[in-house]
């Protein structure tokens, strides 16, 4: 238990430190300040990192994003209604399974009293 608390404390401290540092450096300010911060970091890191080929994938177009959002929304709505339409049958089925399980457990119970035998 103490180990988990220590582990959680270390993680929380690291996250807190990162958040504090980014706020202190101004990452969350306006875009102009963030651009200046990026330039500062780039100038600091550039001598240590030689040309590293980094390929940035192209961002999806607005119509693709719109299509995907509509598609996922529709799938979510359909799945929700399928769940709701199956809910009465599933509830009945799960109730029967629960009842059968309890009856089976009571039948296997070695401590039958005189009241349950009657």
Protein backbone atom coordinates (compact mmCIF):
# COMPACT_ATOMS: atom_id res chain seq x y z
CA UNK A 1 0.00 0.00 0.00
CA UNK A 2 2.77 2.40 0.92
CA UNK A 3 4.57 1.59 -2.33
CA UNK A 4 1.47 2.49 -4.36
CA UNK A 5 1.12 5.77 -2.48
CA UNK A 6 4.79 6.56 -3.09
CA UNK A 7 4.44 5.67 -6.78
CA UNK A 8 1.33 7.85 -7.07
CA UNK A 9 3.08 10.69 -5.24
CA UNK A 10 6.05 10.57 -7.61
CA UNK A 11 3.80 10.56 -10.68
CA UNK A 12 1.65 13.39 -9.34
CA UNK A 13 4.79 15.38 -8.50
CA UNK A 14 6.18 14.91 -12.01
CA UNK A 15 2.91 15.97 -13.63
CA UNK A 16 2.66 18.95 -11.31
CA UNK A 17 6.24 19.92 -12.12
CA UNK A 18 5.61 19.74 -15.86
CA UNK A 19 2.43 21.80 -15.56
CA UNK A 20 4.19 24.37 -13.36
CA UNK A 21 7.14 24.62 -15.78
CA UNK A 22 4.91 25.08 -18.84
CA UNK A 23 2.87 27.77 -17.08
CA UNK A 24 6.06 29.47 -15.86
CA UNK A 25 7.52 29.46 -19.37
CA UNK A 26 4.31 30.83 -20.87
CA UNK A 27 3.20 27.92 -23.04
CA UNK A 28 -0.43 28.69 -22.20
CA UNK A 29 -0.27 32.39 -23.08
CA UNK A 30 -1.11 33.92 -26.45
CA UNK A 31 0.11 32.39 -29.72
CA UNK A 32 2.76 35.07 -30.28
CA UNK A 33 4.42 34.26 -26.97
CA UNK A 34 4.23 30.53 -27.73
CA UNK A 35 5.90 31.11 -31.11
CA UNK A 36 8.73 33.03 -29.42
CA UNK A 37 9.10 30.18 -26.91
CA UNK A 38 9.30 27.67 -29.76
CA UNK A 39 12.04 29.71 -31.44
CA UNK A 40 13.95 29.86 -28.17
CA UNK A 41 13.71 26.09 -27.67
CA UNK A 42 14.63 25.45 -31.30
CA UNK A 43 17.77 27.61 -31.06
CA UNK A 44 18.78 25.83 -27.86
CA UNK A 45 18.25 22.30 -29.17
CA UNK A 46 19.33 22.75 -32.80
CA UNK A 47 23.11 22.42 -32.22
CA UNK A 48 22.63 19.08 -30.50
CA UNK A 49 20.27 17.60 -33.01
CA UNK A 50 21.63 17.32 -36.51
CA UNK A 51 19.25 17.07 -39.38
CA UNK A 52 16.71 14.50 -38.38
CA UNK A 53 14.24 13.69 -41.12
CA UNK A 54 10.84 14.20 -39.58
CA UNK A 55 7.84 13.73 -41.79
CA UNK A 56 4.68 15.36 -40.55
CA UNK A 57 1.57 13.76 -41.99
CA UNK A 58 -0.85 16.01 -43.81
CA UNK A 59 -3.85 17.07 -41.76
CA UNK A 60 -7.22 15.83 -42.96
CA UNK A 61 -9.38 18.22 -44.94
CA UNK A 62 -12.47 19.81 -43.36
CA UNK A 63 -14.90 17.78 -45.46
CA UNK A 64 -13.15 14.55 -44.36
CA UNK A 65 -13.38 15.60 -40.70
CA UNK A 66 -17.03 16.48 -41.15
CA UNK A 67 -17.77 13.15 -42.82
CA UNK A 68 -15.96 11.20 -40.10
CA UNK A 69 -17.74 13.10 -37.31
CA UNK A 70 -21.14 12.46 -38.87
CA UNK A 71 -20.29 8.82 -39.51
CA UNK A 72 -19.15 8.15 -35.93
CA UNK A 73 -22.11 10.07 -34.52
CA UNK A 74 -24.53 7.99 -36.59
CA UNK A 75 -22.83 4.75 -35.53
CA UNK A 76 -23.11 5.82 -31.90
CA UNK A 77 -26.81 6.61 -32.27
CA UNK A 78 -27.49 3.27 -33.99
CA UNK A 79 -25.54 1.36 -31.32
CA UNK A 80 -27.43 3.17 -28.56
CA UNK A 81 -30.81 2.30 -30.05
CA UNK A 82 -29.79 -1.32 -30.61
CA UNK A 83 -28.76 -1.47 -26.95
CA UNK A 84 -32.07 0.08 -25.85
CA UNK A 85 -34.12 -2.27 -28.05
CA UNK A 86 -32.28 -5.33 -26.67
CA UNK A 87 -32.46 -4.12 -23.06
CA UNK A 88 -35.82 -5.75 -22.10
CA UNK A 89 -34.76 -9.15 -23.47
CA UNK A 90 -31.30 -8.91 -21.94
CA UNK A 91 -32.74 -7.84 -18.57
CA UNK A 92 -35.07 -10.84 -18.57
CA UNK A 93 -32.24 -13.16 -19.60
CA UNK A 94 -29.82 -11.80 -16.97
CA UNK A 95 -32.51 -11.97 -14.26
CA UNK A 96 -33.21 -15.61 -15.10
CA UNK A 97 -29.50 -16.43 -15.08
CA UNK A 98 -29.10 -14.69 -11.71
CA UNK A 99 -32.10 -16.53 -10.25
CA UNK A 100 -30.83 -19.91 -11.56
CA UNK A 101 -27.37 -19.21 -10.12
CA UNK A 102 -28.77 -18.35 -6.68
CA UNK A 103 -31.00 -21.45 -6.67
CA UNK A 104 -28.04 -23.62 -7.67
CA UNK A 105 -25.88 -22.14 -4.91
CA UNK A 106 -28.61 -22.68 -2.33
CA UNK A 107 -29.07 -26.30 -3.44
CA UNK A 108 -25.33 -26.96 -3.11
CA UNK A 109 -25.13 -25.33 0.31
CA UNK A 110 -24.04 -27.98 2.88
CA UNK A 111 -25.67 -26.12 5.76
CA UNK A 112 -29.32 -26.88 5.12
CA UNK A 113 -31.41 -26.05 8.10
CA UNK A 114 -34.67 -27.59 9.09
CA UNK A 115 -36.49 -24.56 7.76
CA UNK A 116 -35.13 -24.93 4.23
CA UNK A 117 -35.85 -28.69 4.15
CA UNK A 118 -39.55 -28.12 4.91
